[in-house]
């Protein structure tokens, strides 16, 4: 049987590595910091970026733990909840494409036809 452990919502993003497994003098993010070899430099949010994120219905338990690259566009982030250390790089606007499938199965002849209609 699986063991289910309930924790408060505010603990999401924290204490995911037990202290006994952390090398002395490090925190739970030390491996993430060590493995970040993308070459992207992250910085804390500006007051303007926090204002835009809040206006777009985003929340964070600690805005100081949200780090972004210089290519970050806060206007593209909406309805998100951030917990713990979060790093966001370059974002691009996504254009939705609606694809509709019209299918017809003919059991008498064992044939099927599929029509794909794409609209932008």
N, C-alpha and C. Protein backbone atom coordinates (compact mmCIF):
# COMPACT_ATOMS: atom_id res chain seq x y z
N UNK A 1 0.84 -1.17 0.00
CA UNK A 1 0.00 0.00 0.00
C UNK A 1 0.89 1.24 0.00
N UNK A 2 0.49 2.25 -0.75
CA UNK A 2 1.24 3.50 -0.81
C UNK A 2 1.01 4.32 0.44
N UNK A 3 2.04 5.05 0.83
CA UNK A 3 1.93 5.94 1.97
C UNK A 3 1.64 7.34 1.44
N UNK A 4 0.56 7.92 1.92
CA UNK A 4 0.18 9.26 1.51
C UNK A 4 0.50 10.20 2.66
N UNK A 5 1.30 11.22 2.36
CA UNK A 5 1.68 12.19 3.37
C UNK A 5 1.08 13.53 2.97
N UNK A 6 0.24 14.07 3.82
CA UNK A 6 -0.37 15.38 3.56
C UNK A 6 0.51 16.45 4.18
N UNK A 7 0.76 17.49 3.41
CA UNK A 7 1.54 18.63 3.88
C UNK A 7 0.80 19.91 3.51
N UNK A 8 1.07 20.98 4.25
CA UNK A 8 0.40 22.25 3.92
C UNK A 8 0.81 22.72 2.52
N UNK A 9 -0.08 23.41 1.87
CA UNK A 9 0.16 23.93 0.53
C UNK A 9 1.40 24.83 0.49
N UNK A 10 1.64 25.59 1.56
CA UNK A 10 2.78 26.51 1.59
C UNK A 10 4.12 25.78 1.58
N UNK A 11 4.12 24.45 1.75
CA UNK A 11 5.38 23.70 1.74
C UNK A 11 5.79 23.24 0.34
N UNK A 12 4.94 23.47 -0.67
CA UNK A 12 5.29 23.08 -2.03
C UNK A 12 6.52 23.87 -2.47
N UNK A 13 7.50 23.18 -3.01
CA UNK A 13 8.71 23.83 -3.48
C UNK A 13 9.79 23.94 -2.43
N UNK A 14 9.52 23.42 -1.23
CA UNK A 14 10.49 23.49 -0.14
C UNK A 14 10.63 22.13 0.53
N UNK A 15 11.78 21.92 1.14
CA UNK A 15 12.04 20.72 1.93
C UNK A 15 11.80 19.43 1.15
N UNK A 16 12.16 19.42 -0.12
CA UNK A 16 11.98 18.22 -0.92
C UNK A 16 13.18 17.29 -0.83
N UNK A 17 14.26 17.75 -0.20
CA UNK A 17 15.41 16.89 0.10
C UNK A 17 15.62 16.95 1.61
N UNK A 18 15.62 15.81 2.24
CA UNK A 18 15.81 15.77 3.69
C UNK A 18 17.22 16.27 4.03
N UNK A 19 17.31 16.97 5.15
CA UNK A 19 18.59 17.56 5.59
C UNK A 19 19.72 16.55 5.65
N UNK A 20 19.41 15.32 6.02
CA UNK A 20 20.47 14.31 6.15
C UNK A 20 21.14 13.96 4.81
N UNK A 21 20.47 14.29 3.71
CA UNK A 21 21.03 14.01 2.39
C UNK A 21 21.72 15.21 1.75
N UNK A 22 21.66 16.35 2.41
CA UNK A 22 22.30 17.56 1.89
C UNK A 22 23.73 17.67 2.41
N UNK A 23 24.69 17.93 1.53
CA UNK A 23 26.05 18.18 2.02
C UNK A 23 26.05 19.41 2.94
N UNK A 24 26.92 19.39 3.90
CA UNK A 24 26.99 20.48 4.86
C UNK A 24 27.23 21.82 4.16
N UNK A 25 26.48 22.84 4.59
CA UNK A 25 26.63 24.17 4.03
C UNK A 25 25.87 24.40 2.73
N UNK A 26 25.01 23.46 2.33
CA UNK A 26 24.24 23.62 1.09
C UNK A 26 22.75 23.65 1.42
N UNK A 27 21.97 24.08 0.44
CA UNK A 27 20.51 24.03 0.60
C UNK A 27 19.94 23.07 -0.44
N UNK A 28 18.63 22.95 -0.45
CA UNK A 28 17.99 22.00 -1.35
C UNK A 28 18.11 22.37 -2.82
N UNK A 29 18.57 23.56 -3.11
CA UNK A 29 18.71 24.00 -4.50
C UNK A 29 20.14 23.84 -5.03
N UNK A 30 21.05 23.31 -4.23
CA UNK A 30 22.45 23.29 -4.65
C UNK A 30 22.65 22.48 -5.93
N UNK A 31 21.94 21.38 -6.10
CA UNK A 31 22.11 20.59 -7.33
C UNK A 31 21.55 21.34 -8.54
N UNK A 32 20.45 22.01 -8.37
CA UNK A 32 19.90 22.78 -9.49
C UNK A 32 20.85 23.89 -9.90
N UNK A 33 21.47 24.53 -8.92
CA UNK A 33 22.44 25.58 -9.23
C UNK A 33 23.66 25.00 -9.94
N UNK A 34 24.10 23.84 -9.50
CA UNK A 34 25.27 23.19 -10.08
C UNK A 34 24.99 22.71 -11.52
N UNK A 35 23.79 22.23 -11.75
CA UNK A 35 23.43 21.66 -13.05
C UNK A 35 23.02 22.72 -14.08
N UNK A 36 22.87 23.95 -13.66
CA UNK A 36 22.47 25.02 -14.58
C UNK A 36 23.67 25.40 -15.45
N UNK A 37 23.81 24.74 -16.58
CA UNK A 37 24.91 25.00 -17.49
C UNK A 37 24.41 25.55 -18.82
N UNK A 38 23.23 26.18 -18.76
CA UNK A 38 22.63 26.69 -19.99
C UNK A 38 23.30 27.98 -20.46
N UNK A 39 24.06 28.61 -19.57
CA UNK A 39 24.68 29.87 -19.92
C UNK A 39 23.76 31.06 -19.71
N UNK A 40 22.55 30.81 -19.27
CA UNK A 40 21.60 31.89 -19.02
C UNK A 40 21.87 32.46 -17.64
N UNK A 41 21.98 33.77 -17.57
CA UNK A 41 22.13 34.44 -16.28
C UNK A 41 20.75 34.84 -15.80
N UNK A 42 20.43 34.44 -14.58
CA UNK A 42 19.14 34.77 -14.00
C UNK A 42 19.29 35.90 -12.99
N UNK A 43 18.22 36.68 -12.87
CA UNK A 43 18.20 37.81 -11.95
C UNK A 43 16.85 37.82 -11.24
N UNK A 44 16.74 38.61 -10.19
CA UNK A 44 15.46 38.78 -9.51
C UNK A 44 14.55 39.66 -10.35
N UNK A 45 13.28 39.60 -10.07
CA UNK A 45 12.30 40.40 -10.79
C UNK A 45 12.42 41.87 -10.44
N UNK A 46 12.06 42.71 -11.38
CA UNK A 46 11.96 44.14 -11.11
C UNK A 46 10.58 44.42 -10.52
N UNK A 47 10.41 45.59 -9.92
CA UNK A 47 9.11 45.98 -9.37
C UNK A 47 8.05 46.00 -10.47
N UNK A 48 8.41 46.47 -11.66
CA UNK A 48 7.47 46.51 -12.78
C UNK A 48 7.02 45.09 -13.16
N UNK A 49 7.97 44.15 -13.24
CA UNK A 49 7.63 42.77 -13.62
C UNK A 49 6.70 42.13 -12.58
N UNK A 50 6.95 42.38 -11.31
CA UNK A 50 6.06 41.85 -10.26
C UNK A 50 4.66 42.45 -10.42
N UNK A 51 4.60 43.74 -10.68
CA UNK A 51 3.32 44.42 -10.87
C UNK A 51 2.54 43.79 -12.03
N UNK A 52 3.21 43.54 -13.14
CA UNK A 52 2.54 42.93 -14.31
C UNK A 52 2.09 41.51 -13.97
N UNK A 53 2.92 40.74 -13.30
CA UNK A 53 2.56 39.37 -12.93
C UNK A 53 1.35 39.34 -12.01
N UNK A 54 1.31 40.22 -11.04
CA UNK A 54 0.16 40.28 -10.12
C UNK A 54 -1.09 40.69 -10.88
N UNK A 55 -0.97 41.67 -11.76
CA UNK A 55 -2.11 42.12 -12.57
C UNK A 55 -2.66 40.97 -13.44
N UNK A 56 -1.77 40.06 -13.86
CA UNK A 56 -2.18 38.93 -14.71
C UNK A 56 -2.60 37.72 -13.89
N UNK A 57 -2.94 37.95 -12.62
CA UNK A 57 -3.48 36.90 -11.76
C UNK A 57 -2.46 35.82 -11.42
N UNK A 58 -1.20 36.19 -11.26
CA UNK A 58 -0.16 35.26 -10.82
C UNK A 58 0.11 35.50 -9.34
N UNK A 59 0.53 34.46 -8.64
CA UNK A 59 0.89 34.59 -7.23
C UNK A 59 2.20 33.87 -6.98
N UNK A 60 2.86 34.27 -5.92
CA UNK A 60 4.09 33.60 -5.50
C UNK A 60 4.17 33.64 -3.99
N UNK A 61 4.68 32.57 -3.40
CA UNK A 61 4.86 32.58 -1.95
C UNK A 61 6.04 33.47 -1.57
N UNK A 62 6.93 33.74 -2.53
CA UNK A 62 8.07 34.62 -2.29
C UNK A 62 8.59 35.11 -3.65
N UNK A 63 8.27 36.34 -4.02
CA UNK A 63 8.68 36.87 -5.32
C UNK A 63 10.20 36.91 -5.45
N UNK A 64 10.93 36.94 -4.36
CA UNK A 64 12.40 36.95 -4.41
C UNK A 64 12.98 35.62 -4.87
N UNK A 65 12.18 34.57 -4.86
CA UNK A 65 12.66 33.26 -5.33
C UNK A 65 12.33 33.01 -6.79
N UNK A 66 11.65 33.96 -7.41
CA UNK A 66 11.35 33.85 -8.83
C UNK A 66 12.44 34.60 -9.59
N UNK A 67 13.23 33.86 -10.36
CA UNK A 67 14.33 34.46 -11.11
C UNK A 67 14.06 34.34 -12.60
N UNK A 68 14.49 35.36 -13.33
CA UNK A 68 14.21 35.40 -14.76
C UNK A 68 15.45 35.81 -15.54
N UNK A 69 15.44 35.50 -16.83
CA UNK A 69 16.52 35.95 -17.71
C UNK A 69 16.18 37.36 -18.20
N UNK A 70 17.14 38.01 -18.83
CA UNK A 70 16.89 39.34 -19.38
C UNK A 70 15.87 39.30 -20.52
N UNK A 71 15.64 38.14 -21.12
CA UNK A 71 14.69 38.01 -22.22
C UNK A 71 13.27 37.72 -21.73
N UNK A 72 13.05 37.73 -20.43
CA UNK A 72 11.74 37.44 -19.83
C UNK A 72 10.71 38.50 -20.21
N UNK A 73 9.49 38.05 -20.54
CA UNK A 73 8.39 38.94 -20.89
C UNK A 73 7.24 38.65 -19.92
N UNK A 74 7.06 39.47 -18.88
CA UNK A 74 6.05 39.16 -17.86
C UNK A 74 4.62 39.19 -18.39
N UNK A 75 4.36 39.92 -19.46
CA UNK A 75 3.02 40.00 -20.02
C UNK A 75 2.51 38.65 -20.53
N UNK A 76 3.41 37.72 -20.79
CA UNK A 76 3.01 36.41 -21.33
C UNK A 76 2.68 35.38 -20.26
N UNK A 77 2.86 35.73 -18.99
CA UNK A 77 2.61 34.78 -17.89
C UNK A 77 1.29 35.15 -17.23
N UNK A 78 0.36 34.20 -17.22
CA UNK A 78 -0.98 34.47 -16.67
C UNK A 78 -1.48 33.27 -15.88
N UNK A 79 -2.14 33.58 -14.76
CA UNK A 79 -2.83 32.58 -13.94
C UNK A 79 -1.92 31.47 -13.43
N UNK A 80 -0.73 31.83 -12.96
CA UNK A 80 0.22 30.84 -12.44
C UNK A 80 0.45 31.04 -10.95
N UNK A 81 0.79 29.96 -10.28
CA UNK A 81 1.17 30.01 -8.87
C UNK A 81 2.58 29.48 -8.77
N UNK A 82 3.47 30.26 -8.17
CA UNK A 82 4.87 29.90 -8.06
C UNK A 82 5.21 29.59 -6.62
N UNK A 83 5.93 28.47 -6.42
CA UNK A 83 6.35 28.05 -5.09
C UNK A 83 7.83 27.73 -5.14
N UNK A 84 8.58 28.20 -4.16
CA UNK A 84 10.00 27.88 -4.11
C UNK A 84 10.78 28.58 -5.20
N UNK A 85 11.97 28.04 -5.49
CA UNK A 85 12.84 28.61 -6.51
C UNK A 85 12.32 28.27 -7.90
N UNK A 86 12.05 29.31 -8.68
CA UNK A 86 11.56 29.13 -10.05
C UNK A 86 12.42 30.00 -10.95
N UNK A 87 12.87 29.43 -12.05
CA UNK A 87 13.64 30.18 -13.04
C UNK A 87 12.89 30.16 -14.37
N UNK A 88 12.75 31.33 -14.96
CA UNK A 88 12.05 31.44 -16.25
C UNK A 88 12.96 32.14 -17.23
N UNK A 89 13.15 31.54 -18.38
CA UNK A 89 13.98 32.12 -19.43
C UNK A 89 13.14 32.89 -20.43
N UNK A 90 13.52 32.79 -21.67
CA UNK A 90 12.83 33.51 -22.74
C UNK A 90 11.48 32.85 -23.03
N UNK A 91 10.47 33.67 -23.14
CA UNK A 91 9.14 33.20 -23.48
C UNK A 91 8.74 33.74 -24.83
N UNK A 92 7.97 32.96 -25.57
CA UNK A 92 7.46 33.40 -26.86
C UNK A 92 5.95 33.30 -26.85
N UNK A 93 5.32 34.21 -27.52
CA UNK A 93 3.88 34.17 -27.64
C UNK A 93 3.49 32.97 -28.49
N UNK A 94 2.49 32.23 -28.03
CA UNK A 94 2.03 31.04 -28.73
C UNK A 94 0.74 31.38 -29.46
N UNK A 95 0.69 31.02 -30.71
CA UNK A 95 -0.51 31.26 -31.51
C UNK A 95 -1.29 29.97 -31.62
N UNK A 96 -2.50 29.99 -31.13
CA UNK A 96 -3.34 28.79 -31.16
C UNK A 96 -3.80 28.49 -32.57
N UNK A 97 -3.82 27.24 -32.88
CA UNK A 97 -4.36 26.77 -34.15
C UNK A 97 -5.42 25.74 -33.82
N UNK A 98 -6.58 25.92 -34.36
CA UNK A 98 -7.66 24.98 -34.09
C UNK A 98 -7.68 23.92 -35.19
N UNK A 99 -7.58 22.70 -34.76
CA UNK A 99 -7.63 21.58 -35.71
C UNK A 99 -8.88 20.77 -35.38
N UNK A 100 -9.72 20.60 -36.35
CA UNK A 100 -10.93 19.82 -36.15
C UNK A 100 -10.82 18.55 -37.00
N UNK A 101 -11.23 17.47 -36.43
CA UNK A 101 -11.21 16.20 -37.14
C UNK A 101 -12.65 15.78 -37.43
N UNK A 102 -12.88 15.45 -38.67
CA UNK A 102 -14.19 14.91 -39.05
C UNK A 102 -13.94 13.47 -39.49
N UNK A 103 -14.46 12.53 -38.75
CA UNK A 103 -14.19 11.12 -39.05
C UNK A 103 -15.48 10.43 -39.50
N UNK A 104 -15.30 9.48 -40.39
CA UNK A 104 -16.42 8.67 -40.85
C UNK A 104 -15.94 7.23 -40.97
N UNK A 105 -16.60 6.37 -40.26
CA UNK A 105 -16.27 4.95 -40.34
C UNK A 105 -17.39 4.24 -41.09
N UNK A 106 -17.00 3.39 -42.02
CA UNK A 106 -17.98 2.62 -42.79
C UNK A 106 -17.71 1.15 -42.50
N UNK A 107 -18.53 0.58 -41.63
CA UNK A 107 -18.30 -0.81 -41.22
C UNK A 107 -18.65 -1.81 -42.33
N UNK A 108 -19.47 -1.41 -43.25
CA UNK A 108 -19.86 -2.36 -44.29
C UNK A 108 -18.73 -2.61 -45.28
N UNK A 109 -17.88 -1.58 -45.49
CA UNK A 109 -16.78 -1.76 -46.44
C UNK A 109 -15.42 -1.73 -45.76
N UNK A 110 -15.42 -1.61 -44.43
CA UNK A 110 -14.18 -1.58 -43.64
C UNK A 110 -13.26 -0.44 -44.10
N UNK A 111 -13.85 0.68 -44.43
CA UNK A 111 -13.06 1.85 -44.82
C UNK A 111 -13.32 2.98 -43.83
N UNK A 112 -12.37 3.83 -43.72
CA UNK A 112 -12.57 5.02 -42.89
C UNK A 112 -11.98 6.21 -43.64
N UNK A 113 -12.54 7.36 -43.35
CA UNK A 113 -12.00 8.56 -43.94
C UNK A 113 -11.86 9.62 -42.85
N UNK A 114 -10.79 10.36 -42.92
CA UNK A 114 -10.52 11.41 -41.95
C UNK A 114 -10.24 12.70 -42.71
N UNK A 115 -10.92 13.74 -42.33
CA UNK A 115 -10.71 15.04 -42.93
C UNK A 115 -10.18 15.96 -41.84
N UNK A 116 -9.08 16.61 -42.11
CA UNK A 116 -8.50 17.52 -41.15
C UNK A 116 -8.68 18.94 -41.66
N UNK A 117 -9.35 19.76 -40.85
CA UNK A 117 -9.58 21.14 -41.19
C UNK A 117 -8.78 22.00 -40.23
N UNK A 118 -7.94 22.87 -40.73
CA UNK A 118 -7.13 23.71 -39.87
C UNK A 118 -7.48 25.16 -40.13
N UNK A 119 -7.70 25.88 -39.04
CA UNK A 119 -8.00 27.30 -39.16
C UNK A 119 -7.02 28.07 -38.29
N UNK A 120 -6.70 29.29 -38.68
CA UNK A 120 -5.81 30.15 -37.90
C UNK A 120 -6.56 31.40 -37.53
